């Protein structure tokens, strides 16, 4: 596993900004009903490594299925640049949409395909 790096990221319009310490060795592409439509490429890190730099009022939340993941997106442009939730082991996690990190080429990472549609 690579060492964590600090990245900045956010939505298209800039209303949502964050910093995250994360080691990106691969990205996950999920085919569940939400991820399959969004086309997100996700990398995960413990929630304490995520720092929201803008007011939470800029975000709208959506939950579905088991409500374990807080799908947060910009109330202005609609981009979901991250989500927060609880991993199966109970650890609080941040799911970072690598497509929304500044200066990062998401095609540079191997893709792990997750069959979320079958869960």
N, C-alpha and C. Protein backbone atom coordinates (compact mmCIF):
# COMPACT_ATOMS: atom_id res chain seq x y z
N UNK A 1 0.85 -1.19 0.00
CA UNK A 1 0.00 0.00 0.00
C UNK A 1 0.89 1.24 0.00
N UNK A 2 0.50 2.23 -0.77
CA UNK A 2 1.26 3.48 -0.83
C UNK A 2 1.01 4.32 0.42
N UNK A 3 1.85 5.30 0.62
CA UNK A 3 1.69 6.20 1.76
C UNK A 3 0.57 7.19 1.47
N UNK A 4 -0.16 7.60 2.52
CA UNK A 4 -1.21 8.61 2.32
C UNK A 4 -0.62 9.94 1.85
N UNK A 5 -1.37 10.61 1.01
CA UNK A 5 -1.04 11.96 0.57
C UNK A 5 -2.23 12.85 0.90
N UNK A 6 -1.98 14.14 1.01
CA UNK A 6 -3.06 15.10 1.24
C UNK A 6 -3.51 15.64 -0.11
N UNK A 7 -4.80 15.53 -0.36
CA UNK A 7 -5.41 16.02 -1.60
C UNK A 7 -6.47 17.05 -1.24
N UNK A 8 -6.77 17.93 -2.19
CA UNK A 8 -7.93 18.80 -2.09
C UNK A 8 -8.90 18.39 -3.17
N UNK A 9 -10.15 18.69 -2.94
CA UNK A 9 -11.16 18.33 -3.93
C UNK A 9 -12.45 19.06 -3.67
N UNK A 10 -13.44 18.78 -4.51
CA UNK A 10 -14.74 19.40 -4.34
C UNK A 10 -15.61 19.24 -5.56
N UNK A 11 -16.63 20.02 -5.58
CA UNK A 11 -17.64 19.94 -6.64
C UNK A 11 -17.24 20.80 -7.84
N UNK A 12 -18.09 20.83 -8.85
CA UNK A 12 -17.81 21.58 -10.08
C UNK A 12 -17.84 23.09 -9.87
N UNK A 13 -18.80 23.57 -9.11
CA UNK A 13 -18.95 25.02 -8.97
C UNK A 13 -18.08 25.62 -7.87
N UNK A 14 -17.47 24.77 -7.02
CA UNK A 14 -16.59 25.26 -5.97
C UNK A 14 -17.28 25.53 -4.64
N UNK A 15 -18.56 25.33 -4.54
CA UNK A 15 -19.27 25.57 -3.28
C UNK A 15 -18.89 24.54 -2.22
N UNK A 16 -18.50 23.34 -2.63
CA UNK A 16 -18.07 22.28 -1.72
C UNK A 16 -16.57 22.06 -1.91
N UNK A 17 -15.81 22.20 -0.85
CA UNK A 17 -14.36 21.99 -0.88
C UNK A 17 -13.96 21.15 0.33
N UNK A 18 -12.94 20.32 0.15
CA UNK A 18 -12.45 19.50 1.25
C UNK A 18 -10.98 19.17 1.07
N UNK A 19 -10.38 18.68 2.15
CA UNK A 19 -9.04 18.10 2.15
C UNK A 19 -9.18 16.68 2.66
N UNK A 20 -8.33 15.80 2.15
CA UNK A 20 -8.37 14.41 2.60
C UNK A 20 -6.97 13.81 2.54
N UNK A 21 -6.64 13.06 3.57
CA UNK A 21 -5.40 12.28 3.60
C UNK A 21 -5.78 10.86 3.21
N UNK A 22 -5.22 10.39 2.10
CA UNK A 22 -5.64 9.10 1.57
C UNK A 22 -4.52 8.48 0.75
N UNK A 23 -4.39 7.17 0.84
CA UNK A 23 -3.49 6.40 -0.02
C UNK A 23 -4.37 5.78 -1.10
N UNK A 24 -4.14 6.15 -2.34
CA UNK A 24 -4.96 5.63 -3.43
C UNK A 24 -4.14 4.61 -4.21
N UNK A 25 -4.42 3.35 -3.98
CA UNK A 25 -3.76 2.26 -4.71
C UNK A 25 -4.64 1.75 -5.84
N UNK A 26 -5.95 1.93 -5.68
CA UNK A 26 -6.93 1.50 -6.67
C UNK A 26 -8.17 2.33 -6.45
N UNK A 27 -9.07 2.29 -7.40
CA UNK A 27 -10.38 2.93 -7.25
C UNK A 27 -11.45 1.87 -7.45
N UNK A 28 -12.57 2.07 -6.81
CA UNK A 28 -13.69 1.14 -6.93
C UNK A 28 -14.76 1.72 -7.84
N UNK A 29 -15.21 0.90 -8.76
CA UNK A 29 -16.35 1.24 -9.62
C UNK A 29 -17.46 0.26 -9.26
N UNK A 30 -18.55 0.77 -8.76
CA UNK A 30 -19.65 -0.06 -8.29
C UNK A 30 -20.81 0.02 -9.29
N UNK A 31 -21.56 -1.07 -9.42
CA UNK A 31 -22.69 -1.10 -10.34
C UNK A 31 -24.04 -1.05 -9.61
N UNK A 32 -24.05 -0.60 -8.35
CA UNK A 32 -25.35 -0.47 -7.65
C UNK A 32 -26.19 0.59 -8.35
N UNK A 33 -27.44 0.72 -7.95
CA UNK A 33 -28.36 1.62 -8.64
C UNK A 33 -27.89 3.08 -8.62
N UNK A 34 -27.16 3.49 -7.61
CA UNK A 34 -26.69 4.87 -7.53
C UNK A 34 -25.34 5.05 -8.23
N UNK A 35 -24.35 4.26 -7.82
CA UNK A 35 -23.00 4.41 -8.38
C UNK A 35 -22.98 4.17 -9.89
N UNK A 36 -23.76 3.21 -10.34
CA UNK A 36 -23.80 2.91 -11.77
C UNK A 36 -24.26 4.08 -12.60
N UNK A 37 -25.16 4.88 -12.06
CA UNK A 37 -25.65 6.05 -12.78
C UNK A 37 -24.69 7.24 -12.65
N UNK A 38 -24.00 7.34 -11.51
CA UNK A 38 -23.10 8.47 -11.28
C UNK A 38 -21.76 8.31 -11.98
N UNK A 39 -21.28 7.08 -12.08
CA UNK A 39 -19.96 6.85 -12.68
C UNK A 39 -18.81 7.23 -11.76
N UNK A 40 -19.07 7.25 -10.46
CA UNK A 40 -18.02 7.59 -9.50
C UNK A 40 -16.92 6.53 -9.50
N UNK A 41 -15.70 6.98 -9.24
CA UNK A 41 -14.57 6.10 -8.97
C UNK A 41 -14.14 6.41 -7.55
N UNK A 42 -14.32 5.46 -6.65
CA UNK A 42 -14.19 5.73 -5.22
C UNK A 42 -12.93 5.14 -4.61
N UNK A 43 -12.37 5.90 -3.67
CA UNK A 43 -11.29 5.43 -2.81
C UNK A 43 -11.74 5.73 -1.38
N UNK A 44 -11.32 4.91 -0.44
CA UNK A 44 -11.83 4.99 0.93
C UNK A 44 -10.72 5.30 1.92
N UNK A 45 -11.10 6.04 2.98
CA UNK A 45 -10.18 6.39 4.05
C UNK A 45 -10.99 6.56 5.33
N UNK A 46 -10.38 6.37 6.50
CA UNK A 46 -11.11 6.63 7.75
C UNK A 46 -11.63 8.07 7.78
N UNK A 47 -12.81 8.25 8.34
CA UNK A 47 -13.47 9.56 8.35
C UNK A 47 -12.62 10.65 8.99
N UNK A 48 -11.77 10.29 9.96
CA UNK A 48 -10.96 11.32 10.61
C UNK A 48 -9.91 11.91 9.66
N UNK A 49 -9.69 11.28 8.50
CA UNK A 49 -8.75 11.81 7.51
C UNK A 49 -9.41 12.79 6.54
N UNK A 50 -10.70 13.04 6.71
CA UNK A 50 -11.47 13.91 5.82
C UNK A 50 -11.80 15.21 6.55
N UNK A 51 -11.58 16.35 5.88
CA UNK A 51 -11.87 17.65 6.47
C UNK A 51 -12.69 18.49 5.49
N UNK A 52 -13.95 18.69 5.80
CA UNK A 52 -14.81 19.55 4.98
C UNK A 52 -14.40 21.00 5.23
N UNK A 53 -14.13 21.75 4.17
CA UNK A 53 -13.65 23.12 4.28
C UNK A 53 -14.74 24.16 4.04
N UNK A 54 -15.93 23.71 3.70
CA UNK A 54 -17.04 24.63 3.46
C UNK A 54 -18.17 24.31 4.42
N UNK A 55 -19.11 25.21 4.51
CA UNK A 55 -20.26 25.05 5.39
C UNK A 55 -21.12 23.88 4.94
N UNK A 56 -21.59 23.07 5.89
CA UNK A 56 -22.44 21.93 5.57
C UNK A 56 -23.74 22.35 4.89
N UNK A 57 -24.10 23.63 5.00
CA UNK A 57 -25.32 24.13 4.36
C UNK A 57 -25.23 24.05 2.83
N UNK A 58 -24.01 23.91 2.29
CA UNK A 58 -23.83 23.79 0.84
C UNK A 58 -24.17 22.40 0.34
N UNK A 59 -24.45 21.47 1.26
CA UNK A 59 -24.67 20.06 0.91
C UNK A 59 -26.12 19.64 1.05
N UNK A 60 -26.52 18.72 0.20
CA UNK A 60 -27.81 18.04 0.31
C UNK A 60 -27.50 16.56 0.49
N UNK A 61 -28.31 15.88 1.28
CA UNK A 61 -28.05 14.47 1.58
C UNK A 61 -29.12 13.58 0.97
N UNK A 62 -28.66 12.42 0.51
CA UNK A 62 -29.56 11.39 0.01
C UNK A 62 -29.14 10.06 0.62
N UNK A 63 -30.11 9.28 1.09
CA UNK A 63 -29.83 7.94 1.60
C UNK A 63 -30.81 6.97 0.97
N UNK A 64 -30.36 5.73 0.79
CA UNK A 64 -31.24 4.70 0.27
C UNK A 64 -30.80 3.36 0.82
N UNK A 65 -31.51 2.32 0.49
CA UNK A 65 -31.21 0.95 0.90
C UNK A 65 -31.08 0.87 2.42
N UNK A 66 -29.89 0.56 2.95
CA UNK A 66 -29.72 0.38 4.40
C UNK A 66 -29.45 1.69 5.14
N UNK A 67 -29.35 2.78 4.45
CA UNK A 67 -29.08 4.10 5.04
C UNK A 67 -27.74 4.16 5.77
N UNK A 68 -26.81 3.29 5.42
CA UNK A 68 -25.49 3.27 6.05
C UNK A 68 -24.56 4.31 5.46
N UNK A 69 -24.88 4.81 4.27
CA UNK A 69 -24.02 5.79 3.60
C UNK A 69 -24.78 7.11 3.45
N UNK A 70 -24.10 8.20 3.83
CA UNK A 70 -24.66 9.54 3.65
C UNK A 70 -24.11 10.07 2.33
N UNK A 71 -24.93 10.00 1.29
CA UNK A 71 -24.55 10.50 -0.03
C UNK A 71 -24.76 12.01 0.00
N UNK A 72 -23.66 12.75 0.03
CA UNK A 72 -23.72 14.20 0.15
C UNK A 72 -23.31 14.83 -1.18
N UNK A 73 -24.10 15.77 -1.64
CA UNK A 73 -23.81 16.41 -2.91
C UNK A 73 -24.06 17.90 -2.82
N UNK A 74 -23.42 18.64 -3.72
CA UNK A 74 -23.54 20.09 -3.74
C UNK A 74 -24.97 20.50 -4.05
N UNK A 75 -25.51 21.38 -3.24
CA UNK A 75 -26.87 21.87 -3.44
C UNK A 75 -26.98 22.77 -4.67
N UNK A 76 -25.86 23.27 -5.16
CA UNK A 76 -25.87 24.16 -6.33
C UNK A 76 -25.68 23.40 -7.63
N UNK A 77 -24.57 22.66 -7.76
CA UNK A 77 -24.27 22.01 -9.05
C UNK A 77 -24.62 20.52 -9.08
N UNK A 78 -24.90 19.91 -7.93
CA UNK A 78 -25.34 18.53 -7.88
C UNK A 78 -24.25 17.48 -7.89
N UNK A 79 -22.98 17.87 -7.88
CA UNK A 79 -21.89 16.90 -7.93
C UNK A 79 -21.71 16.24 -6.57
N UNK A 80 -21.59 14.89 -6.57
CA UNK A 80 -21.29 14.15 -5.35
C UNK A 80 -19.80 13.84 -5.36
N UNK A 81 -19.03 14.64 -4.62
CA UNK A 81 -17.58 14.47 -4.61
C UNK A 81 -17.10 13.57 -3.48
N UNK A 82 -17.98 13.25 -2.53
CA UNK A 82 -17.63 12.36 -1.44
C UNK A 82 -18.91 11.85 -0.78
N UNK A 83 -18.75 10.83 0.04
CA UNK A 83 -19.84 10.32 0.88
C UNK A 83 -19.23 9.91 2.21
N UNK A 84 -20.05 9.87 3.24
CA UNK A 84 -19.61 9.44 4.56
C UNK A 84 -20.48 8.27 4.99
N UNK A 85 -19.88 7.33 5.70
CA UNK A 85 -20.68 6.19 6.13
C UNK A 85 -19.92 5.30 7.08
N UNK A 86 -20.54 4.17 7.36
CA UNK A 86 -20.00 3.19 8.28
C UNK A 86 -19.67 1.92 7.52
N UNK A 87 -18.44 1.46 7.64
CA UNK A 87 -18.02 0.22 7.01
C UNK A 87 -18.66 -0.96 7.73
N UNK A 88 -18.69 -2.14 7.11
CA UNK A 88 -19.28 -3.31 7.76
C UNK A 88 -18.66 -3.63 9.13
N UNK A 89 -17.40 -3.24 9.34
CA UNK A 89 -16.75 -3.49 10.63
C UNK A 89 -17.05 -2.41 11.67
N UNK A 90 -17.89 -1.42 11.32
CA UNK A 90 -18.28 -0.36 12.24
C UNK A 90 -17.43 0.89 12.16
N UNK A 91 -16.36 0.87 11.38
CA UNK A 91 -15.48 2.04 11.27
C UNK A 91 -16.13 3.13 10.42
N UNK A 92 -16.05 4.36 10.91
CA UNK A 92 -16.55 5.51 10.16
C UNK A 92 -15.59 5.79 9.01
N UNK A 93 -16.13 5.89 7.79
CA UNK A 93 -15.31 6.01 6.59
C UNK A 93 -15.76 7.19 5.72
N UNK A 94 -14.83 7.67 4.91
CA UNK A 94 -15.14 8.63 3.86
C UNK A 94 -14.87 7.95 2.53
N UNK A 95 -15.83 8.05 1.63
CA UNK A 95 -15.67 7.54 0.27
C UNK A 95 -15.43 8.75 -0.62
N UNK A 96 -14.27 8.80 -1.23
CA UNK A 96 -13.87 9.96 -2.02
C UNK A 96 -14.02 9.63 -3.51
N UNK A 97 -14.76 10.48 -4.22
CA UNK A 97 -14.87 10.34 -5.66
C UNK A 97 -13.58 10.90 -6.26
N UNK A 98 -12.70 10.00 -6.68
CA UNK A 98 -11.38 10.40 -7.17
C UNK A 98 -11.48 11.32 -8.38
N UNK A 99 -12.58 11.25 -9.11
CA UNK A 99 -12.80 12.16 -10.24
C UNK A 99 -12.89 13.62 -9.79
N UNK A 100 -13.14 13.85 -8.50
CA UNK A 100 -13.32 15.21 -7.98
C UNK A 100 -12.11 15.73 -7.22
N UNK A 101 -10.99 15.01 -7.24
CA UNK A 101 -9.77 15.49 -6.60
C UNK A 101 -9.01 16.40 -7.57
N UNK A 102 -8.48 17.48 -7.04
CA UNK A 102 -7.74 18.44 -7.85
C UNK A 102 -6.44 17.83 -8.36
N UNK A 103 -6.19 17.96 -9.66
CA UNK A 103 -4.94 17.54 -10.25
C UNK A 103 -4.69 16.05 -10.29
N UNK A 104 -5.73 15.24 -10.13
CA UNK A 104 -5.58 13.78 -10.13
C UNK A 104 -6.20 13.22 -11.40
N UNK A 105 -5.47 12.33 -12.06
CA UNK A 105 -5.99 11.63 -13.22
C UNK A 105 -6.54 10.29 -12.76
N UNK A 106 -7.85 10.13 -12.68
CA UNK A 106 -8.42 8.88 -12.17
C UNK A 106 -8.06 7.66 -13.03
N UNK A 107 -7.70 7.88 -14.29
CA UNK A 107 -7.33 6.77 -15.16
C UNK A 107 -5.96 6.20 -14.80
N UNK A 108 -5.23 6.86 -13.91
CA UNK A 108 -3.90 6.39 -13.50
C UNK A 108 -3.97 5.24 -12.50
N UNK A 109 -5.18 4.93 -12.00
CA UNK A 109 -5.32 3.90 -10.96
C UNK A 109 -6.02 2.66 -11.51
N UNK A 110 -5.60 1.48 -11.05
CA UNK A 110 -6.34 0.28 -11.43
C UNK A 110 -7.76 0.34 -10.85
N UNK A 111 -8.70 -0.24 -11.60
CA UNK A 111 -10.11 -0.21 -11.19
C UNK A 111 -10.51 -1.58 -10.64
N UNK A 112 -11.10 -1.57 -9.46
CA UNK A 112 -11.68 -2.75 -8.84
C UNK A 112 -13.20 -2.66 -9.06
N UNK A 113 -13.76 -3.59 -9.79
CA UNK A 113 -15.20 -3.57 -10.08
C UNK A 113 -15.94 -4.29 -8.96
N UNK A 114 -16.90 -3.57 -8.36
CA UNK A 114 -17.67 -4.06 -7.22
C UNK A 114 -19.09 -4.33 -7.68
N UNK A 115 -19.59 -5.53 -7.39
CA UNK A 115 -20.95 -5.90 -7.79
C UNK A 115 -21.94 -5.53 -6.69
N UNK A 116 -22.16 -4.21 -6.54
CA UNK A 116 -23.11 -3.72 -5.55
C UNK A 116 -24.55 -4.02 -5.92
N UNK A 117 -24.83 -4.27 -7.18
CA UNK A 117 -26.20 -4.57 -7.62
C UNK A 117 -26.70 -5.89 -7.06
N UNK A 118 -25.80 -6.78 -6.71
CA UNK A 118 -26.19 -8.11 -6.20
C UNK A 118 -26.31 -8.15 -4.68
N UNK A 119 -26.05 -7.07 -4.03
CA UNK A 119 -26.11 -7.05 -2.56
C UNK A 119 -27.46 -6.72 -2.05
